[in-house]
Amino acid sequence: MESKNNYSSNQFQKIMYALFALFLIAFILIFKNTIFKSTLQLRNFANLSMNPEIAFTNGKPTYLEFYAEWCEICKEMAPEVTELKKDFDNEINFVFLNVDNPKWDKFVKQFKVNGIPQINFIDSNSNLKATFTGLQEEKTLKDSINYLLVRR
């Protein structure tokens, strides 16, 4: 009788492992596009970025974001920030600086980056107007950009 209970117990465990594996596969298939797309968008930030030296001297307001590729909040915000860049690219500069690149240490120190993402809004006269650190709502970012554009 004990042998039959062990057999039933082993069968139950096998069924549970199979169900868990199916659930995991389904989860990955459903969310892979969201997870991988935002990671790719974040990695593309360096290519989308304007040179900061040019941005701070061309007479346009600037959206300056400090990020890192390993930053989960940066990944989460990447799709929204990419959309903002599409919407406002002709009106303001977009500068994205990876804090892990020593090339940008000067700016990390200048803007006192102590958490990421850190987003700085700079007016057309190169004056810092606002700084946000951490997860931000798209509306907050859009309102800040519109504020910069009105105050030109």
C-alpha atoms as a PDB file:
ATOM      1  CA  MET A   1       0.000   0.000   0.000  1.00  0.00           C
ATOM      2  CA  GLU A   2       2.858   2.352   0.804  1.00  0.00           C
ATOM      3  CA  SER A   3       4.325   1.629  -2.630  1.00  0.00           C
ATOM      4  CA  LYS A   4       1.077   2.745  -4.266  1.00  0.00           C
ATOM      5  CA  ASN A   5       1.121   6.023  -2.246  1.00  0.00           C
ATOM      6  CA  ASN A   6       4.720   6.716  -3.317  1.00  0.00           C
ATOM      7  CA  TYR A   7       3.722   6.077  -6.937  1.00  0.00           C
ATOM      8  CA  SER A   8       0.786   8.510  -6.636  1.00  0.00           C
ATOM      9  CA  SER A   9       2.988  11.079  -4.939  1.00  0.00           C
ATOM     10  CA  ASN A  10       5.641  10.804  -7.674  1.00  0.00           C
ATOM     11  CA  GLN A  11       2.991  11.135 -10.394  1.00  0.00           C
ATOM     12  CA  PHE A  12       1.564  14.222  -8.686  1.00  0.00           C
ATOM     13  CA  GLN A  13       5.054  15.802  -8.488  1.00  0.00           C
ATOM     14  CA  LYS A  14       5.680  15.098 -12.176  1.00  0.00           C
ATOM     15  CA  ILE A  15       2.357  16.659 -13.139  1.00  0.00           C
ATOM     16  CA  MET A  16       3.103  19.738 -11.010  1.00  0.00           C
ATOM     17  CA  TYR A  17       6.566  20.154 -12.581  1.00  0.00           C
ATOM     18  CA  ALA A  18       5.053  19.849 -16.055  1.00  0.00           C
ATOM     19  CA  LEU A  19       2.389  22.450 -15.272  1.00  0.00           C
ATOM     20  CA  PHE A  20       4.982  24.808 -13.829  1.00  0.00           C
ATOM     21  CA  ALA A  21       7.160  24.396 -16.929  1.00  0.00           C
ATOM     22  CA  LEU A  22       4.187  25.135 -19.197  1.00  0.00           C
ATOM     23  CA  PHE A  23       3.291  28.198 -17.147  1.00  0.00           C
ATOM     24  CA  LEU A  24       6.884  29.467 -17.326  1.00  0.00           C
ATOM     25  CA  ILE A  25       7.044  28.978 -21.084  1.00  0.00           C
ATOM     26  CA  ALA A  26       3.711  30.763 -21.558  1.00  0.00           C
ATOM     27  CA  PHE A  27       4.861  33.656 -19.357  1.00  0.00           C
ATOM     28  CA  ILE A  28       8.082  34.070 -21.331  1.00  0.00           C
ATOM     29  CA  LEU A  29       6.282  33.967 -24.667  1.00  0.00           C
ATOM     30  CA  ILE A  30       3.705  36.530 -23.569  1.00  0.00           C
ATOM     31  CA  PHE A  31       6.124  39.036 -22.027  1.00  0.00           C
ATOM     32  CA  LYS A  32       9.281  38.551 -24.111  1.00  0.00           C
ATOM     33  CA  ASN A  33       8.473  41.358 -26.533  1.00  0.00           C
ATOM     34  CA  THR A  34       7.881  43.853 -23.757  1.00  0.00           C
ATOM     35  CA  ILE A  35      11.005  42.923 -21.818  1.00  0.00           C
ATOM     36  CA  PHE A  36      13.365  42.629 -24.757  1.00  0.00           C
ATOM     37  CA  LYS A  37      11.983  45.632 -26.650  1.00  0.00           C
ATOM     38  CA  SER A  38      12.558  48.015 -23.738  1.00  0.00           C
ATOM     39  CA  THR A  39      16.084  46.634 -23.228  1.00  0.00           C
ATOM     40  CA  LEU A  40      16.887  47.227 -26.902  1.00  0.00           C
ATOM     41  CA  GLN A  41      15.411  50.731 -26.737  1.00  0.00           C
ATOM     42  CA  LEU A  42      17.578  51.528 -23.738  1.00  0.00           C
ATOM     43  CA  ARG A  43      20.694  50.217 -25.475  1.00  0.00           C
ATOM     44  CA  ASN A  44      19.822  52.419 -28.444  1.00  0.00           C
ATOM     45  CA  PHE A  45      19.773  55.580 -26.295  1.00  0.00           C
ATOM     46  CA  ALA A  46      23.458  56.213 -26.986  1.00  0.00           C
ATOM     47  CA  ASN A  47      22.707  56.265 -30.718  1.00  0.00           C
ATOM     48  CA  LEU A  48      19.733  58.600 -30.229  1.00  0.00           C
ATOM     49  CA  SER A  49      21.670  61.027 -28.080  1.00  0.00           C
ATOM     50  CA  MET A  50      22.881  64.412 -29.154  1.00  0.00           C
ATOM     51  CA  ASN A  51      26.389  65.329 -28.035  1.00  0.00           C
ATOM     52  CA  PRO A  52      25.989  67.199 -24.716  1.00  0.00           C
ATOM     53  CA  GLU A  53      28.538  69.873 -25.658  1.00  0.00           C
ATOM     54  CA  ILE A  54      26.440  70.784 -28.711  1.00  0.00           C
ATOM     55  CA  ALA A  55      23.132  70.502 -26.856  1.00  0.00           C
ATOM     56  CA  PHE A  56      24.174  72.956 -24.138  1.00  0.00           C
ATOM     57  CA  THR A  57      25.276  75.604 -26.655  1.00  0.00           C
ATOM     58  CA  ASN A  58      22.769  75.456 -29.536  1.00  0.00           C
ATOM     59  CA  GLY A  59      20.088  77.681 -27.944  1.00  0.00           C
ATOM     60  CA  LYS A  60      17.468  74.934 -27.537  1.00  0.00           C
ATOM     61  CA  PRO A  61      16.144  73.450 -24.290  1.00  0.00           C
ATOM     62  CA  THR A  62      17.553  70.045 -23.344  1.00  0.00           C
ATOM     63  CA  TYR A  63      16.208  66.816 -21.887  1.00  0.00           C
ATOM     64  CA  LEU A  64      19.240  65.184 -20.232  1.00  0.00           C
ATOM     65  CA  GLU A  65      18.889  61.626 -18.937  1.00  0.00           C
ATOM     66  CA  PHE A  66      21.501  59.671 -17.023  1.00  0.00           C
ATOM     67  CA  TYR A  67      20.847  55.935 -17.293  1.00  0.00           C
ATOM     68  CA  ALA A  68      22.468  52.496 -17.166  1.00  0.00           C
ATOM     69  CA  GLU A  69      21.689  49.405 -19.219  1.00  0.00           C
ATOM     70  CA  TRP A  70      21.262  47.301 -16.063  1.00  0.00           C
ATOM     71  CA  CYS A  71      18.734  49.739 -14.536  1.00  0.00           C
ATOM     72  CA  GLU A  72      15.267  48.137 -14.421  1.00  0.00           C
ATOM     73  CA  ILE A  73      13.468  51.481 -14.027  1.00  0.00           C
ATOM     74  CA  CYS A  74      15.403  52.855 -17.018  1.00  0.00           C
ATOM     75  CA  LYS A  75      14.216  49.848 -19.047  1.00  0.00           C
ATOM     76  CA  GLU A  76      10.658  50.376 -17.860  1.00  0.00           C
ATOM     77  CA  MET A  77      10.703  54.040 -18.887  1.00  0.00           C
ATOM     78  CA  ALA A  78      12.514  53.518 -22.213  1.00  0.00           C
ATOM     79  CA  PRO A  79       9.386  53.104 -24.398  1.00  0.00           C
ATOM     80  CA  GLU A  80       7.812  56.302 -23.017  1.00  0.00           C
ATOM     81  CA  VAL A  81      11.032  58.284 -23.356  1.00  0.00           C
ATOM     82  CA  THR A  82      11.461  57.029 -26.924  1.00  0.00           C
ATOM     83  CA  GLU A  83       7.945  58.288 -27.718  1.00  0.00           C
ATOM     84  CA  LEU A  84       8.696  61.670 -26.119  1.00  0.00           C
ATOM     85  CA  LYS A  85      11.798  61.962 -28.273  1.00  0.00           C
ATOM     86  CA  LYS A  86       9.720  61.270 -31.389  1.00  0.00           C
ATOM     87  CA  ASP A  87       7.145  63.880 -30.345  1.00  0.00           C
ATOM     88  CA  PHE A  88       9.553  66.668 -29.340  1.00  0.00           C
ATOM     89  CA  ASP A  89      12.789  65.941 -31.223  1.00  0.00           C
ATOM     90  CA  ASN A  90      12.511  69.036 -33.442  1.00  0.00           C
ATOM     91  CA  GLU A  91      11.919  71.363 -30.514  1.00  0.00           C
ATOM     92  CA  ILE A  92      14.390  70.269 -27.842  1.00  0.00           C
ATOM     93  CA  ASN A  93      17.677  68.397 -27.546  1.00  0.00           C
ATOM     94  CA  PHE A  94      17.656  64.864 -26.178  1.00  0.00           C
ATOM     95  CA  VAL A  95      20.858  63.786 -24.468  1.00  0.00           C
ATOM     96  CA  PHE A  96      21.259  60.299 -22.977  1.00  0.00           C
ATOM     97  CA  LEU A  97      24.395  59.558 -20.959  1.00  0.00           C
ATOM     98  CA  ASN A  98      25.250  56.085 -19.698  1.00  0.00           C
ATOM     99  CA  VAL A  99      26.673  56.452 -16.182  1.00  0.00           C
ATOM    100  CA  ASP A 100      28.798  53.335 -16.724  1.00  0.00           C
ATOM    101  CA  ASN A 101      30.737  55.044 -19.527  1.00  0.00           C
ATOM    102  CA  PRO A 102      33.721  56.917 -18.004  1.00  0.00           C
ATOM    103  CA  LYS A 103      33.529  59.309 -20.961  1.00  0.00           C
ATOM    104  CA  TRP A 104      30.580  60.998 -19.193  1.00  0.00           C
ATOM    105  CA  ASP A 105      32.114  61.256 -15.687  1.00  0.00           C
ATOM    106  CA  LYS A 106      32.458  65.037 -16.056  1.00  0.00           C
ATOM    107  CA  PHE A 107      28.692  65.389 -16.507  1.00  0.00           C
ATOM    108  CA  VAL A 108      27.860  62.832 -13.799  1.00  0.00           C
ATOM    109  CA  LYS A 109      29.818  65.027 -11.354  1.00  0.00           C
ATOM    110  CA  GLN A 110      28.524  68.327 -12.750  1.00  0.00           C
ATOM    111  CA  PHE A 111      24.892  67.262 -12.373  1.00  0.00           C
ATOM    112  CA  LYS A 112      25.509  65.437  -9.059  1.00  0.00           C
ATOM    113  CA  VAL A 113      24.020  62.144 -10.232  1.00  0.00           C
ATOM    114  CA  ASN A 114      23.338  59.974  -7.189  1.00  0.00           C
ATOM    115  CA  GLY A 115      20.545  57.778  -8.551  1.00  0.00           C
ATOM    116  CA  ILE A 116      19.278  56.658 -11.903  1.00  0.00           C
ATOM    117  CA  PRO A 117      17.504  57.363 -13.985  1.00  0.00           C
ATOM    118  CA  GLN A 118      18.165  61.027 -13.353  1.00  0.00           C
ATOM    119  CA  ILE A 119      16.455  63.401 -15.736  1.00  0.00           C
ATOM    120  CA  ASN A 120      17.456  67.038 -15.939  1.00  0.00           C
ATOM    121  CA  PHE A 121      15.508  69.720 -17.779  1.00  0.00           C
ATOM    122  CA  ILE A 122      17.717  72.545 -19.013  1.00  0.00           C
ATOM    123  CA  ASP A 123      16.396  75.729 -20.600  1.00  0.00           C
ATOM    124  CA  SER A 124      17.675  77.320 -23.805  1.00  0.00           C
ATOM    125  CA  ASN A 125      20.151  79.430 -21.766  1.00  0.00           C
ATOM    126  CA  SER A 126      21.704  76.269 -20.244  1.00  0.00           C
ATOM    127  CA  ASN A 127      20.077  76.842 -16.845  1.00  0.00           C
ATOM    128  CA  LEU A 128      18.993  73.748 -14.939  1.00  0.00           C
ATOM    129  CA  LYS A 129      15.238  74.048 -14.339  1.00  0.00           C
ATOM    130  CA  ALA A 130      14.285  70.684 -12.842  1.00  0.00           C
ATOM    131  CA  THR A 131      15.757  67.342 -11.829  1.00  0.00           C
ATOM    132  CA  PHE A 132      13.846  64.094 -11.364  1.00  0.00           C
ATOM    133  CA  THR A 133      15.323  60.851 -10.058  1.00  0.00           C
ATOM    134  CA  GLY A 134      13.731  57.429 -10.327  1.00  0.00           C
ATOM    135  CA  LEU A 135      10.517  56.301 -11.953  1.00  0.00           C
ATOM    136  CA  GLN A 136       8.539  59.155 -13.503  1.00  0.00           C
ATOM    137  CA  GLU A 137       5.129  59.270 -15.128  1.00  0.00           C
ATOM    138  CA  GLU A 138       5.092  60.119 -18.832  1.00  0.00           C
ATOM    139  CA  LYS A 139       2.754  63.038 -18.059  1.00  0.00           C
ATOM    140  CA  THR A 140       5.291  64.549 -15.641  1.00  0.00           C
ATOM    141  CA  LEU A 141       8.011  64.391 -18.283  1.00  0.00           C
ATOM    142  CA  LYS A 142       5.746  65.777 -21.013  1.00  0.00           C
ATOM    143  CA  ASP A 143       4.579  68.633 -18.746  1.00  0.00           C
ATOM    144  CA  SER A 144       8.209  69.490 -17.948  1.00  0.00           C
ATOM    145  CA  ILE A 145       9.109  69.557 -21.630  1.00  0.00           C
ATOM    146  CA  ASN A 146       6.121  71.786 -22.387  1.00  0.00           C
ATOM    147  CA  TYR A 147       7.181  74.095 -19.529  1.00  0.00           C
ATOM    148  CA  LEU A 148      10.620  74.448 -21.124  1.00  0.00           C
ATOM    149  CA  LEU A 149       9.084  75.216 -24.505  1.00  0.00           C
ATOM    150  CA  VAL A 150       6.758  77.890 -23.128  1.00  0.00           C
ATOM    151  CA  ARG A 151       9.609  79.578 -21.215  1.00  0.00           C
ATOM    152  CA  ARG A 152      11.964  79.886 -24.204  1.00  0.00           C
END
